[in-house]
Amino acid sequence: MTEDDVPTEWLRAVLPLAVLAVVAEEETYGYAVAQRLQAGGLGAVKGGTLYPVLNRLEAEGLLTSSWREGVGGPGRKFFAVTAAGRDSLDRRSAAWHTFTERAGGLLPDPRSTR
């Protein structure tokens, strides 16, 4: 499966959790989050999709943000995970893995021989 094969509805479902996980790795800004998501195989996530997710996570108290001056360019809004965000990431990651294991158990594996 290539990143172009990821169905939109799957990406929409996992994107908030994936964004939270990326920001939990280190304090970062939107463009860097998008690059990390693409490097992780989720494809190119546009700003019009990414920034509402970041803002929603911040409104939920899972992230904080601060503006910083840019070096030779415009300022950037940096995001950092909160303690509540780390707790949510732990719970939601465990739930996601349980869910995908259960769903995977119902689906045929096309890589296996019949």
C-alpha atoms as a PDB file:
ATOM      1  CA  MET A   1       0.000   0.000   0.000  1.00  0.00           C
ATOM      2  CA  THR A   2       1.365   3.383  -0.973  1.00  0.00           C
ATOM      3  CA  GLU A   3       0.447   6.682   0.636  1.00  0.00           C
ATOM      4  CA  ASP A   4      -1.719   7.399  -2.413  1.00  0.00           C
ATOM      5  CA  ASP A   5      -3.779   4.286  -1.586  1.00  0.00           C
ATOM      6  CA  VAL A   6      -4.831   5.496   1.890  1.00  0.00           C
ATOM      7  CA  PRO A   7      -8.605   6.010   1.724  1.00  0.00           C
ATOM      8  CA  THR A   8      -9.656   9.502   2.738  1.00  0.00           C
ATOM      9  CA  GLU A   9     -12.031   8.249   5.431  1.00  0.00           C
ATOM     10  CA  TRP A  10      -9.209   6.261   7.072  1.00  0.00           C
ATOM     11  CA  LEU A  11      -6.973   9.332   7.114  1.00  0.00           C
ATOM     12  CA  ARG A  12      -9.772  11.468   8.514  1.00  0.00           C
ATOM     13  CA  ALA A  13     -10.298   8.948  11.326  1.00  0.00           C
ATOM     14  CA  VAL A  14      -6.655   8.625  12.373  1.00  0.00           C
ATOM     15  CA  LEU A  15      -5.410  12.156  11.667  1.00  0.00           C
ATOM     16  CA  PRO A  16      -6.150  13.729  15.088  1.00  0.00           C
ATOM     17  CA  LEU A  17      -4.410  10.853  16.859  1.00  0.00           C
ATOM     18  CA  ALA A  18      -1.455  10.917  14.455  1.00  0.00           C
ATOM     19  CA  VAL A  19      -1.091  14.694  14.825  1.00  0.00           C
ATOM     20  CA  LEU A  20      -1.190  14.384  18.606  1.00  0.00           C
ATOM     21  CA  ALA A  21       1.501  11.683  18.430  1.00  0.00           C
ATOM     22  CA  VAL A  22       3.746  13.820  16.218  1.00  0.00           C
ATOM     23  CA  VAL A  23       3.468  16.860  18.476  1.00  0.00           C
ATOM     24  CA  ALA A  24       4.129  14.630  21.513  1.00  0.00           C
ATOM     25  CA  GLU A  25       7.498  13.692  19.971  1.00  0.00           C
ATOM     26  CA  GLU A  26       8.680  17.312  20.217  1.00  0.00           C
ATOM     27  CA  GLU A  27       7.396  20.872  20.170  1.00  0.00           C
ATOM     28  CA  THR A  28       6.859  21.695  16.515  1.00  0.00           C
ATOM     29  CA  TYR A  29       4.952  23.775  13.968  1.00  0.00           C
ATOM     30  CA  GLY A  30       2.354  22.898  11.361  1.00  0.00           C
ATOM     31  CA  TYR A  31       4.545  22.488   8.291  1.00  0.00           C
ATOM     32  CA  ALA A  32       6.903  20.173  10.203  1.00  0.00           C
ATOM     33  CA  VAL A  33       3.897  18.130  11.392  1.00  0.00           C
ATOM     34  CA  ALA A  34       2.744  17.759   7.776  1.00  0.00           C
ATOM     35  CA  GLN A  35       6.238  16.645   6.723  1.00  0.00           C
ATOM     36  CA  ARG A  36       6.381  14.072   9.531  1.00  0.00           C
ATOM     37  CA  LEU A  37       2.939  12.701   8.599  1.00  0.00           C
ATOM     38  CA  GLN A  38       4.026  12.348   4.983  1.00  0.00           C
ATOM     39  CA  ALA A  39       7.310  10.689   5.983  1.00  0.00           C
ATOM     40  CA  GLY A  40       5.231   8.301   8.117  1.00  0.00           C
ATOM     41  CA  GLY A  41       3.315   7.191   5.034  1.00  0.00           C
ATOM     42  CA  LEU A  42       0.058   9.097   5.497  1.00  0.00           C
ATOM     43  CA  GLY A  43       0.533  11.155   2.359  1.00  0.00           C
ATOM     44  CA  ALA A  44       0.502  14.909   1.860  1.00  0.00           C
ATOM     45  CA  VAL A  45      -1.780  16.549   4.416  1.00  0.00           C
ATOM     46  CA  LYS A  46      -2.714  20.056   3.314  1.00  0.00           C
ATOM     47  CA  GLY A  47      -2.864  23.014   5.663  1.00  0.00           C
ATOM     48  CA  GLY A  48      -6.612  23.324   5.192  1.00  0.00           C
ATOM     49  CA  THR A  49      -6.939  19.860   6.716  1.00  0.00           C
ATOM     50  CA  LEU A  50      -4.102  20.000   9.253  1.00  0.00           C
ATOM     51  CA  TYR A  51      -4.634  23.379  10.939  1.00  0.00           C
ATOM     52  CA  PRO A  52      -8.257  22.761  11.936  1.00  0.00           C
ATOM     53  CA  VAL A  53      -7.087  19.511  13.593  1.00  0.00           C
ATOM     54  CA  LEU A  54      -4.309  21.342  15.456  1.00  0.00           C
ATOM     55  CA  ASN A  55      -6.752  24.063  16.545  1.00  0.00           C
ATOM     56  CA  ARG A  56      -9.330  21.493  17.685  1.00  0.00           C
ATOM     57  CA  LEU A  57      -6.705  19.629  19.734  1.00  0.00           C
ATOM     58  CA  GLU A  58      -5.703  22.932  21.307  1.00  0.00           C
ATOM     59  CA  ALA A  59      -9.338  23.839  22.066  1.00  0.00           C
ATOM     60  CA  GLU A  60      -9.702  20.435  23.761  1.00  0.00           C
ATOM     61  CA  GLY A  61      -6.719  21.270  26.005  1.00  0.00           C
ATOM     62  CA  LEU A  62      -4.503  18.568  24.486  1.00  0.00           C
ATOM     63  CA  LEU A  63      -2.058  21.028  22.908  1.00  0.00           C
ATOM     64  CA  THR A  64      -0.802  24.521  23.651  1.00  0.00           C
ATOM     65  CA  SER A  65       0.609  26.967  21.140  1.00  0.00           C
ATOM     66  CA  SER A  66       2.899  29.978  21.033  1.00  0.00           C
ATOM     67  CA  TRP A  67       4.052  32.308  18.265  1.00  0.00           C
ATOM     68  CA  ARG A  68       7.772  32.658  17.607  1.00  0.00           C
ATOM     69  CA  GLU A  69       9.684  34.970  15.315  1.00  0.00           C
ATOM     70  CA  GLY A  70      10.980  33.337  12.191  1.00  0.00           C
ATOM     71  CA  VAL A  71      14.640  33.344  11.247  1.00  0.00           C
ATOM     72  CA  GLY A  72      14.705  35.201   7.951  1.00  0.00           C
ATOM     73  CA  GLY A  73      10.988  34.645   7.401  1.00  0.00           C
ATOM     74  CA  PRO A  74       7.562  34.920   8.936  1.00  0.00           C
ATOM     75  CA  GLY A  75       6.811  33.847  12.491  1.00  0.00           C
ATOM     76  CA  ARG A  76       5.598  30.364  13.240  1.00  0.00           C
ATOM     77  CA  LYS A  77       2.989  28.982  15.578  1.00  0.00           C
ATOM     78  CA  PHE A  78       4.583  26.191  17.618  1.00  0.00           C
ATOM     79  CA  PHE A  79       2.526  23.460  19.259  1.00  0.00           C
ATOM     80  CA  ALA A  80       3.381  21.429  22.360  1.00  0.00           C
ATOM     81  CA  VAL A  81       1.507  18.573  23.993  1.00  0.00           C
ATOM     82  CA  THR A  82      -0.032  19.095  27.443  1.00  0.00           C
ATOM     83  CA  ALA A  83      -0.180  16.560  30.274  1.00  0.00           C
ATOM     84  CA  ALA A  84      -3.816  15.948  29.331  1.00  0.00           C
ATOM     85  CA  GLY A  85      -2.670  15.462  25.734  1.00  0.00           C
ATOM     86  CA  ARG A  86      -0.142  12.796  26.774  1.00  0.00           C
ATOM     87  CA  ASP A  87      -2.823  10.999  28.790  1.00  0.00           C
ATOM     88  CA  SER A  88      -5.232  11.188  25.870  1.00  0.00           C
ATOM     89  CA  LEU A  89      -2.549   9.938  23.475  1.00  0.00           C
ATOM     90  CA  ASP A  90      -1.878   6.922  25.686  1.00  0.00           C
ATOM     91  CA  ARG A  91      -5.571   6.033  26.019  1.00  0.00           C
ATOM     92  CA  ARG A  92      -6.480   6.681  22.405  1.00  0.00           C
ATOM     93  CA  SER A  93      -3.424   4.832  21.058  1.00  0.00           C
ATOM     94  CA  ALA A  94      -4.308   1.760  23.098  1.00  0.00           C
ATOM     95  CA  ALA A  95      -7.913   1.957  21.895  1.00  0.00           C
ATOM     96  CA  TRP A  96      -6.786   2.407  18.268  1.00  0.00           C
ATOM     97  CA  HIS A  97      -4.534  -0.659  18.426  1.00  0.00           C
ATOM     98  CA  THR A  98      -7.304  -2.754  19.954  1.00  0.00           C
ATOM     99  CA  PHE A  99      -9.757  -1.571  17.307  1.00  0.00           C
ATOM    100  CA  THR A 100      -7.419  -2.219  14.363  1.00  0.00           C
ATOM    101  CA  GLU A 101      -6.526  -5.687  15.705  1.00  0.00           C
ATOM    102  CA  ARG A 102     -10.204  -6.566  15.960  1.00  0.00           C
ATOM    103  CA  ALA A 103     -11.014  -5.188  12.516  1.00  0.00           C
ATOM    104  CA  GLY A 104      -7.951  -6.904  11.059  1.00  0.00           C
ATOM    105  CA  GLY A 105      -9.112 -10.198  12.529  1.00  0.00           C
ATOM    106  CA  LEU A 106     -12.282  -9.970  10.478  1.00  0.00           C
ATOM    107  CA  LEU A 107     -10.605  -9.167   7.177  1.00  0.00           C
ATOM    108  CA  PRO A 108      -8.941 -11.655   4.851  1.00  0.00           C
ATOM    109  CA  ASP A 109      -5.169 -11.234   4.487  1.00  0.00           C
ATOM    110  CA  PRO A 110      -4.424 -10.998   0.762  1.00  0.00           C
ATOM    111  CA  ARG A 111      -0.749 -11.747   1.463  1.00  0.00           C
ATOM    112  CA  SER A 112      -1.521 -15.255   2.722  1.00  0.00           C
ATOM    113  CA  THR A 113      -1.992 -18.192   0.419  1.00  0.00           C
ATOM    114  CA  ARG A 114      -5.404 -19.788   0.364  1.00  0.00           C
END
